Amino acid sequence: MKFEINKYLIDDIENKDHPSDFEVVSDYSILILRLPLIEKDKVDVISYAFLIKDNKIYKYDRKTKEFELLGTFSDLYEYLDVRIDKILAKISKLHIAIAKMEDELYENDMPVDFSNNWLKFKKELVLIERLMGHSLIAFERFIKYYKNSIDELAFKDLAEHIDRAFRFSKNAIEKLDYLYEFFKAKQDEKMNNIMFILTILSAIFLPLTLITGFFGMNTGGLPFTQDPQGTLKAIGLSALFEVPFVFFIWKMMKS
């Protein structure tokens, strides 16, 4: 159907990236809801534009660039309720996946795909949180304006679902941030242990390296060069030098 619409509002309606909004003109109003679109368990973005005139709801079709009759306020409620329920179901799945990730970390079972999963979950949740936060503001303004024409209880329940999606996604983001800090701490601890072992090995082989370097010099007058037992004596000397280092390292590890 064709309507005489303010040219500035037409730009907002046709812009699929326009944030959620609610605008009232003389004899009609425009409700734009930019919501997460859940398809094949993936999160995308879709923008819905509705024109409300004479208590009838018209939905904008971007392919035909025309408004099509959706029905009454009850039809609008049912149309949005199905889509918001899918968003809540997706957030619930993300919470379960994050809980599983948390259990694995607490059990010291470091998942090899933690970073990839963390980034994927964080990206989806941040998108959902941002979209639902903006949608809630626009939807509450819509409810306030049409409170005498709609089933206020039903639409407030729908607003509560939008708010719940916003809060649940925010809570999941906070949990993800905490898990990332915990994961980094475990990684740092693991790296510190590796560096400690390498340091111990370096300290153990330090006297051996010094003695090997000393006897490997191409200079005259080196001890044990003419001695048939020189190799055994050099080994014994290395062992003698090694004892204080090993004892010192052992004392450090005990303290």
C-alpha atoms as a PDB file:
ATOM      1  CA  MET A   1       0.000   0.000   0.000  1.00  0.00           C
ATOM      2  CA  LYS A   2       1.101   3.535  -0.686  1.00  0.00           C
ATOM      3  CA  PHE A   3       1.257   6.153   2.058  1.00  0.00           C
ATOM      4  CA  GLU A   4       2.305   9.763   2.140  1.00  0.00           C
ATOM      5  CA  ILE A   5       5.315   9.509   4.421  1.00  0.00           C
ATOM      6  CA  ASN A   6       7.763  12.144   5.547  1.00  0.00           C
ATOM      7  CA  LYS A   7      10.834  11.928   3.303  1.00  0.00           C
ATOM      8  CA  TYR A   8      13.185  11.769   6.299  1.00  0.00           C
ATOM      9  CA  LEU A   9      11.262   8.816   7.681  1.00  0.00           C
ATOM     10  CA  ILE A  10      11.415   7.109   4.291  1.00  0.00           C
ATOM     11  CA  ASP A  11      15.215   7.216   4.488  1.00  0.00           C
ATOM     12  CA  ASP A  12      15.080   5.669   7.967  1.00  0.00           C
ATOM     13  CA  ILE A  13      12.672   2.949   6.839  1.00  0.00           C
ATOM     14  CA  GLU A  14      14.689   1.978   3.772  1.00  0.00           C
ATOM     15  CA  ASN A  15      17.971   1.976   5.705  1.00  0.00           C
ATOM     16  CA  LYS A  16      18.338  -1.597   6.981  1.00  0.00           C
ATOM     17  CA  ASP A  17      21.132  -0.428   9.314  1.00  0.00           C
ATOM     18  CA  HIS A  18      19.023   2.210  11.026  1.00  0.00           C
ATOM     19  CA  PRO A  19      18.796   1.604  14.781  1.00  0.00           C
ATOM     20  CA  SER A  20      15.485   0.821  16.461  1.00  0.00           C
ATOM     21  CA  ASP A  21      13.251   3.885  16.774  1.00  0.00           C
ATOM     22  CA  PHE A  22       9.677   5.048  17.224  1.00  0.00           C
ATOM     23  CA  GLU A  23       8.406   8.200  15.556  1.00  0.00           C
ATOM     24  CA  VAL A  24       4.932   9.758  15.658  1.00  0.00           C
ATOM     25  CA  VAL A  25       3.643  11.937  12.814  1.00  0.00           C
ATOM     26  CA  SER A  26       0.219  13.602  12.477  1.00  0.00           C
ATOM     27  CA  ASP A  27      -1.976  10.627  11.549  1.00  0.00           C
ATOM     28  CA  TYR A  28       0.416   7.682  11.671  1.00  0.00           C
ATOM     29  CA  SER A  29       3.500   6.404  13.464  1.00  0.00           C
ATOM     30  CA  ILE A  30       6.578   4.423  12.466  1.00  0.00           C
ATOM     31  CA  LEU A  31       8.103   1.661  14.587  1.00  0.00           C
ATOM     32  CA  ILE A  32      11.531   0.417  13.529  1.00  0.00           C
ATOM     33  CA  LEU A  33      12.921  -2.622  15.338  1.00  0.00           C
ATOM     34  CA  ARG A  34      16.412  -3.796  14.409  1.00  0.00           C
ATOM     35  CA  LEU A  35      16.626  -7.242  15.956  1.00  0.00           C
ATOM     36  CA  PRO A  36      18.891 -10.292  15.910  1.00  0.00           C
ATOM     37  CA  LEU A  37      17.855 -12.832  13.290  1.00  0.00           C
ATOM     38  CA  ILE A  38      18.423 -16.442  14.333  1.00  0.00           C
ATOM     39  CA  GLU A  39      18.841 -18.742  11.337  1.00  0.00           C
ATOM     40  CA  LYS A  40      20.509 -22.179  11.462  1.00  0.00           C
ATOM     41  CA  ASP A  41      21.775 -21.350  14.963  1.00  0.00           C
ATOM     42  CA  LYS A  42      23.637 -18.301  13.643  1.00  0.00           C
ATOM     43  CA  VAL A  43      23.058 -14.685  14.641  1.00  0.00           C
ATOM     44  CA  ASP A  44      22.433 -12.120  11.924  1.00  0.00           C
ATOM     45  CA  VAL A  45      20.662  -8.762  11.889  1.00  0.00           C
ATOM     46  CA  ILE A  46      17.304  -7.802  10.404  1.00  0.00           C
ATOM     47  CA  SER A  47      15.421  -4.521  10.493  1.00  0.00           C
ATOM     48  CA  TYR A  48      11.621  -4.479  10.714  1.00  0.00           C
ATOM     49  CA  ALA A  49       9.676  -1.323   9.882  1.00  0.00           C
ATOM     50  CA  PHE A  50       6.023  -1.010  10.808  1.00  0.00           C
ATOM     51  CA  LEU A  51       3.552   1.744   9.987  1.00  0.00           C
ATOM     52  CA  ILE A  52       0.637   2.150  12.392  1.00  0.00           C
ATOM     53  CA  LYS A  53      -2.400   3.982  11.083  1.00  0.00           C
ATOM     54  CA  ASP A  54      -6.008   3.798  12.323  1.00  0.00           C
ATOM     55  CA  ASN A  55      -5.025   0.946  14.660  1.00  0.00           C
ATOM     56  CA  LYS A  56      -3.888  -1.165  11.718  1.00  0.00           C
ATOM     57  CA  ILE A  57      -0.317  -2.429  11.333  1.00  0.00           C
ATOM     58  CA  TYR A  58       1.522  -2.366   8.013  1.00  0.00           C
ATOM     59  CA  LYS A  59       4.901  -4.041   7.553  1.00  0.00           C
ATOM     60  CA  TYR A  60       7.453  -2.633   5.117  1.00  0.00           C
ATOM     61  CA  ASP A  61       8.688  -5.004   2.412  1.00  0.00           C
ATOM     62  CA  ARG A  62      12.141  -3.976   1.204  1.00  0.00           C
ATOM     63  CA  LYS A  63      11.838  -6.007  -1.981  1.00  0.00           C
ATOM     64  CA  THR A  64       8.684  -4.292  -3.228  1.00  0.00           C
ATOM     65  CA  LYS A  65       9.410  -1.116  -1.248  1.00  0.00           C
ATOM     66  CA  GLU A  66       5.805  -1.010  -0.126  1.00  0.00           C
ATOM     67  CA  PHE A  67       3.873  -1.491   3.102  1.00  0.00           C
ATOM     68  CA  GLU A  68       1.791  -4.654   3.361  1.00  0.00           C
ATOM     69  CA  LEU A  69      -1.056  -5.103   5.801  1.00  0.00           C
ATOM     70  CA  LEU A  70       0.037  -7.199   8.774  1.00  0.00           C
ATOM     71  CA  GLY A  71      -3.198  -6.866  10.727  1.00  0.00           C
ATOM     72  CA  THR A  72      -4.107  -5.589  14.157  1.00  0.00           C
ATOM     73  CA  PHE A  73      -2.016  -4.976  17.263  1.00  0.00           C
ATOM     74  CA  SER A  74      -2.634  -8.625  18.203  1.00  0.00           C
ATOM     75  CA  ASP A  75      -1.050  -9.704  14.915  1.00  0.00           C
ATOM     76  CA  LEU A  76       1.938  -7.470  15.628  1.00  0.00           C
ATOM     77  CA  TYR A  77       2.275  -9.073  19.058  1.00  0.00           C
ATOM     78  CA  GLU A  78       2.246 -12.604  17.610  1.00  0.00           C
ATOM     79  CA  TYR A  79       4.656 -11.614  14.839  1.00  0.00           C
ATOM     80  CA  LEU A  80       7.228 -10.235  17.291  1.00  0.00           C
ATOM     81  CA  ASP A  81       6.659 -12.843  20.003  1.00  0.00           C
ATOM     82  CA  VAL A  82       7.804 -15.721  17.769  1.00  0.00           C
ATOM     83  CA  ARG A  83      10.987 -13.913  16.765  1.00  0.00           C
ATOM     84  CA  ILE A  84      11.910 -12.765  20.268  1.00  0.00           C
ATOM     85  CA  ASP A  85      11.368 -16.301  21.602  1.00  0.00           C
ATOM     86  CA  LYS A  86      13.974 -17.518  19.079  1.00  0.00           C
ATOM     87  CA  ILE A  87      16.394 -14.912  20.387  1.00  0.00           C
ATOM     88  CA  LEU A  88      15.832 -16.059  23.983  1.00  0.00           C
ATOM     89  CA  ALA A  89      16.325 -19.683  22.920  1.00  0.00           C
ATOM     90  CA  LYS A  90      19.627 -18.756  21.254  1.00  0.00           C
ATOM     91  CA  ILE A  91      20.819 -16.941  24.382  1.00  0.00           C
ATOM     92  CA  SER A  92      19.882 -19.995  26.453  1.00  0.00           C
ATOM     93  CA  LYS A  93      22.025 -22.200  24.184  1.00  0.00           C
ATOM     94  CA  LEU A  94      24.912 -19.770  24.553  1.00  0.00           C
ATOM     95  CA  HIS A  95      24.580 -19.869  28.355  1.00  0.00           C
ATOM     96  CA  ILE A  96      24.740 -23.692  28.258  1.00  0.00           C
ATOM     97  CA  ALA A  97      27.820 -23.618  26.009  1.00  0.00           C
ATOM     98  CA  ILE A  98      29.524 -21.086  28.300  1.00  0.00           C
ATOM     99  CA  ALA A  99      28.718 -23.219  31.373  1.00  0.00           C
ATOM    100  CA  LYS A 100      30.320 -26.225  29.664  1.00  0.00           C
ATOM    101  CA  MET A 101      33.374 -24.124  28.856  1.00  0.00           C
ATOM    102  CA  GLU A 102      33.535 -23.016  32.499  1.00  0.00           C
ATOM    103  CA  ASP A 103      33.378 -26.606  33.786  1.00  0.00           C
ATOM    104  CA  GLU A 104      36.220 -27.637  31.488  1.00  0.00           C
ATOM    105  CA  LEU A 105      38.401 -24.805  32.753  1.00  0.00           C
ATOM    106  CA  TYR A 106      37.706 -25.610  36.401  1.00  0.00           C
ATOM    107  CA  GLU A 107      38.601 -29.259  35.751  1.00  0.00           C
ATOM    108  CA  ASN A 108      41.938 -28.149  34.217  1.00  0.00           C
ATOM    109  CA  ASP A 109      40.809 -29.533  30.885  1.00  0.00           C
ATOM    110  CA  MET A 110      42.036 -26.691  28.703  1.00  0.00           C
ATOM    111  CA  PRO A 111      40.006 -26.858  25.453  1.00  0.00           C
ATOM    112  CA  VAL A 112      42.140 -26.314  22.374  1.00  0.00           C
ATOM    113  CA  ASP A 113      39.345 -24.345  20.701  1.00  0.00           C
ATOM    114  CA  PHE A 114      38.713 -22.055  23.692  1.00  0.00           C
ATOM    115  CA  SER A 115      39.875 -18.865  21.979  1.00  0.00           C
ATOM    116  CA  ASN A 116      37.826 -19.493  18.827  1.00  0.00           C
ATOM    117  CA  ASN A 117      34.675 -20.368  20.780  1.00  0.00           C
ATOM    118  CA  TRP A 118      35.171 -17.442  23.147  1.00  0.00           C
ATOM    119  CA  LEU A 119      35.474 -14.996  20.252  1.00  0.00           C
ATOM    120  CA  LYS A 120      32.436 -16.486  18.473  1.00  0.00           C
ATOM    121  CA  PHE A 121      30.244 -16.358  21.602  1.00  0.00           C
ATOM    122  CA  LYS A 122      31.405 -12.854  22.515  1.00  0.00           C
ATOM    123  CA  LYS A 123      30.684 -11.536  19.019  1.00  0.00           C
ATOM    124  CA  GLU A 124      27.163 -12.985  18.985  1.00  0.00           C
ATOM    125  CA  LEU A 125      26.304 -11.841  22.510  1.00  0.00           C
ATOM    126  CA  VAL A 126      27.609  -8.303  22.041  1.00  0.00           C
ATOM    127  CA  LEU A 127      25.500  -8.011  18.886  1.00  0.00           C
ATOM    128  CA  ILE A 128      22.386  -9.316  20.671  1.00  0.00           C
ATOM    129  CA  GLU A 129      22.928  -7.054  23.676  1.00  0.00           C
ATOM    130  CA  ARG A 130      23.341  -3.923  21.566  1.00  0.00           C
ATOM    131  CA  LEU A 131      20.319  -4.630  19.365  1.00  0.00           C
ATOM    132  CA  MET A 132      18.014  -5.611  22.229  1.00  0.00           C
ATOM    133  CA  GLY A 133      19.000  -2.566  24.278  1.00  0.00           C
ATOM    134  CA  HIS A 134      18.074  -0.176  21.474  1.00  0.00           C
ATOM    135  CA  SER A 135      14.923  -2.132  20.634  1.00  0.00           C
ATOM    136  CA  LEU A 136      13.712  -2.001  24.228  1.00  0.00           C
ATOM    137  CA  ILE A 137      13.845   1.801  24.309  1.00  0.00           C
ATOM    138  CA  ALA A 138      11.883   2.139  21.058  1.00  0.00           C
ATOM    139  CA  PHE A 139       9.372  -0.544  22.028  1.00  0.00           C
ATOM    140  CA  GLU A 140       8.649   1.004  25.432  1.00  0.00           C
ATOM    141  CA  ARG A 141       7.958   4.345  23.740  1.00  0.00           C
ATOM    142  CA  PHE A 142       5.563   2.546  21.373  1.00  0.00           C
ATOM    143  CA  ILE A 143       3.729   0.908  24.310  1.00  0.00           C
ATOM    144  CA  LYS A 144       3.439   4.197  26.178  1.00  0.00           C
ATOM    145  CA  TYR A 145       1.959   5.966  23.150  1.00  0.00           C
ATOM    146  CA  TYR A 146      -0.573   3.222  22.278  1.00  0.00           C
ATOM    147  CA  LYS A 147      -1.381   2.042  25.812  1.00  0.00           C
ATOM    148  CA  ASN A 148      -5.101   2.785  25.293  1.00  0.00           C
ATOM    149  CA  SER A 149      -5.290   0.871  22.007  1.00  0.00           C
ATOM    150  CA  ILE A 150      -3.282  -2.270  22.726  1.00  0.00           C
ATOM    151  CA  ASP A 151      -3.435  -5.149  25.154  1.00  0.00           C
ATOM    152  CA  GLU A 152      -0.993  -3.405  27.461  1.00  0.00           C
ATOM    153  CA  LEU A 153      -0.353  -6.470  29.600  1.00  0.00           C
ATOM    154  CA  ALA A 154       0.581  -8.601  26.578  1.00  0.00           C
ATOM    155  CA  PHE A 155       2.850  -5.964  25.082  1.00  0.00           C
ATOM    156  CA  LYS A 156       4.512  -5.251  28.428  1.00  0.00           C
ATOM    157  CA  ASP A 157       5.180  -8.976  28.673  1.00  0.00           C
ATOM    158  CA  LEU A 158       6.803  -8.780  25.258  1.00  0.00           C
ATOM    159  CA  ALA A 159       8.868  -5.806  26.428  1.00  0.00           C
ATOM    160  CA  GLU A 160       9.925  -7.858  29.449  1.00  0.00           C
ATOM    161  CA  HIS A 161      11.136 -10.597  27.063  1.00  0.00           C
ATOM    162  CA  ILE A 162      13.193  -8.026  25.174  1.00  0.00           C
ATOM    163  CA  ASP A 163      14.603  -6.746  28.455  1.00  0.00           C
ATOM    164  CA  ARG A 164      15.336 -10.317  29.578  1.00  0.00           C
ATOM    165  CA  ALA A 165      17.226 -10.992  26.346  1.00  0.00           C
ATOM    166  CA  PHE A 166      19.208  -7.812  26.934  1.00  0.00           C
ATOM    167  CA  ARG A 167      20.031  -8.709  30.560  1.00  0.00           C
ATOM    168  CA  PHE A 168      20.814 -12.368  29.864  1.00  0.00           C
ATOM    169  CA  SER A 169      23.147 -11.485  27.017  1.00  0.00           C
ATOM    170  CA  LYS A 170      24.876  -8.910  29.221  1.00  0.00           C
ATOM    171  CA  ASN A 171      25.307 -11.484  32.004  1.00  0.00           C
ATOM    172  CA  ALA A 172      26.732 -13.967  29.516  1.00  0.00           C
ATOM    173  CA  ILE A 173      29.227 -11.358  28.282  1.00  0.00           C
ATOM    174  CA  GLU A 174      30.368 -10.740  31.869  1.00  0.00           C
ATOM    175  CA  LYS A 175      30.785 -14.495  32.403  1.00  0.00           C
ATOM    176  CA  LEU A 176      32.798 -14.759  29.179  1.00  0.00           C
ATOM    177  CA  ASP A 177      35.093 -11.930  30.291  1.00  0.00           C
ATOM    178  CA  TYR A 178      35.639 -13.654  33.639  1.00  0.00           C
ATOM    179  CA  LEU A 179      36.382 -16.983  31.926  1.00  0.00           C
ATOM    180  CA  TYR A 180      38.865 -15.283  29.611  1.00  0.00           C
ATOM    181  CA  GLU A 181      40.709 -13.801  32.591  1.00  0.00           C
ATOM    182  CA  PHE A 182      40.741 -17.231  34.239  1.00  0.00           C
ATOM    183  CA  PHE A 183      41.960 -18.844  31.006  1.00  0.00           C
ATOM    184  CA  LYS A 184      44.735 -16.263  30.658  1.00  0.00           C
ATOM    185  CA  ALA A 185      45.792 -16.839  34.270  1.00  0.00           C
ATOM    186  CA  LYS A 186      46.001 -20.587  33.627  1.00  0.00           C
ATOM    187  CA  GLN A 187      47.972 -19.982  30.439  1.00  0.00           C
ATOM    188  CA  ASP A 188      50.338 -17.608  32.243  1.00  0.00           C
ATOM    189  CA  GLU A 189      50.802 -20.161  35.031  1.00  0.00           C
ATOM    190  CA  LYS A 190      51.588 -22.836  32.485  1.00  0.00           C
ATOM    191  CA  MET A 191      54.055 -20.555  30.730  1.00  0.00           C
ATOM    192  CA  ASN A 192      55.695 -19.636  34.042  1.00  0.00           C
ATOM    193  CA  ASN A 193      56.155 -23.325  34.856  1.00  0.00           C
ATOM    194  CA  ILE A 194      57.759 -23.908  31.482  1.00  0.00           C
ATOM    195  CA  MET A 195      60.085 -20.940  31.951  1.00  0.00           C
ATOM    196  CA  PHE A 196      60.960 -22.160  35.454  1.00  0.00           C
ATOM    197  CA  ILE A 197      61.898 -25.607  34.132  1.00  0.00           C
ATOM    198  CA  LEU A 198      63.987 -24.062  31.344  1.00  0.00           C
ATOM    199  CA  THR A 199      65.731 -21.855  33.897  1.00  0.00           C
ATOM    200  CA  ILE A 200      66.514 -24.884  36.090  1.00  0.00           C
ATOM    201  CA  LEU A 201      67.902 -26.795  33.125  1.00  0.00           C
ATOM    202  CA  SER A 202      69.994 -23.801  32.082  1.00  0.00           C
ATOM    203  CA  ALA A 203      71.387 -23.482  35.617  1.00  0.00           C
ATOM    204  CA  ILE A 204      72.204 -27.207  35.784  1.00  0.00           C
ATOM    205  CA  PHE A 205      74.088 -27.148  32.505  1.00  0.00           C
ATOM    206  CA  LEU A 206      75.872 -23.844  33.210  1.00  0.00           C
ATOM    207  CA  PRO A 207      78.948 -25.348  34.951  1.00  0.00           C
ATOM    208  CA  LEU A 208      79.111 -28.096  32.337  1.00  0.00           C
ATOM    209  CA  THR A 209      79.059 -25.470  29.597  1.00  0.00           C
ATOM    210  CA  LEU A 210      81.829 -23.478  31.307  1.00  0.00           C
ATOM    211  CA  ILE A 211      84.070 -26.512  31.681  1.00  0.00           C
ATOM    212  CA  THR A 212      83.388 -27.689  28.128  1.00  0.00           C
ATOM    213  CA  GLY A 213      84.207 -24.232  26.819  1.00  0.00           C
ATOM    214  CA  PHE A 214      87.387 -24.068  28.892  1.00  0.00           C
ATOM    215  CA  PHE A 215      88.761 -27.397  27.690  1.00  0.00           C
ATOM    216  CA  GLY A 216      87.673 -26.643  24.153  1.00  0.00           C
ATOM    217  CA  MET A 217      89.991 -23.620  23.789  1.00  0.00           C
ATOM    218  CA  ASN A 218      92.698 -23.940  21.132  1.00  0.00           C
ATOM    219  CA  THR A 219      95.512 -22.772  23.419  1.00  0.00           C
ATOM    220  CA  GLY A 220      98.546 -24.479  24.871  1.00  0.00           C
ATOM    221  CA  GLY A 221      99.092 -25.450  28.490  1.00  0.00           C
ATOM    222  CA  LEU A 222      95.606 -26.782  29.148  1.00  0.00           C
ATOM    223  CA  PRO A 223      95.498 -29.248  32.059  1.00  0.00           C
ATOM    224  CA  PHE A 224      94.980 -32.972  31.411  1.00  0.00           C
ATOM    225  CA  THR A 225      95.941 -32.682  27.711  1.00  0.00           C
ATOM    226  CA  GLN A 226      98.852 -35.140  28.104  1.00  0.00           C
ATOM    227  CA  ASP A 227      97.227 -37.185  30.868  1.00  0.00           C
ATOM    228  CA  PRO A 228      95.852 -40.622  29.750  1.00  0.00           C
ATOM    229  CA  GLN A 229      93.161 -40.218  32.420  1.00  0.00           C
ATOM    230  CA  GLY A 230      92.458 -36.621  31.445  1.00  0.00           C
ATOM    231  CA  THR A 231      88.924 -37.224  30.161  1.00  0.00           C
ATOM    232  CA  LEU A 232      87.873 -39.019  33.353  1.00  0.00           C
ATOM    233  CA  LYS A 233      89.438 -36.286  35.463  1.00  0.00           C
ATOM    234  CA  ALA A 234      87.611 -33.583  33.431  1.00  0.00           C
ATOM    235  CA  ILE A 235      84.335 -35.453  33.960  1.00  0.00           C
ATOM    236  CA  GLY A 236      85.021 -35.720  37.673  1.00  0.00           C
ATOM    237  CA  LEU A 237      85.839 -32.018  37.818  1.00  0.00           C
ATOM    238  CA  SER A 238      82.546 -31.252  36.037  1.00  0.00           C
ATOM    239  CA  ALA A 239      80.634 -33.371  38.523  1.00  0.00           C
ATOM    240  CA  LEU A 240      82.421 -31.620  41.401  1.00  0.00           C
ATOM    241  CA  PHE A 241      81.399 -28.195  40.056  1.00  0.00           C
ATOM    242  CA  GLU A 242      77.865 -29.445  39.418  1.00  0.00           C
ATOM    243  CA  VAL A 243      77.189 -30.467  43.034  1.00  0.00           C
ATOM    244  CA  PRO A 244      76.974 -26.895  44.494  1.00  0.00           C
ATOM    245  CA  PHE A 245      74.676 -25.762  41.672  1.00  0.00           C
ATOM    246  CA  VAL A 246      72.321 -28.704  42.099  1.00  0.00           C
ATOM    247  CA  PHE A 247      72.320 -28.213  45.886  1.00  0.00           C
ATOM    248  CA  PHE A 248      71.565 -24.471  45.475  1.00  0.00           C
ATOM    249  CA  ILE A 249      68.704 -25.167  43.048  1.00  0.00           C
ATOM    250  CA  TRP A 250      67.300 -27.841  45.382  1.00  0.00           C
ATOM    251  CA  LYS A 251      67.314 -25.360  48.286  1.00  0.00           C
ATOM    252  CA  MET A 252      65.507 -22.791  46.126  1.00  0.00           C
ATOM    253  CA  MET A 253      62.798 -25.271  45.168  1.00  0.00           C
ATOM    254  CA  LYS A 254      62.320 -26.315  48.803  1.00  0.00           C
ATOM    255  CA  SER A 255      61.922 -22.722  50.033  1.00  0.00           C
END
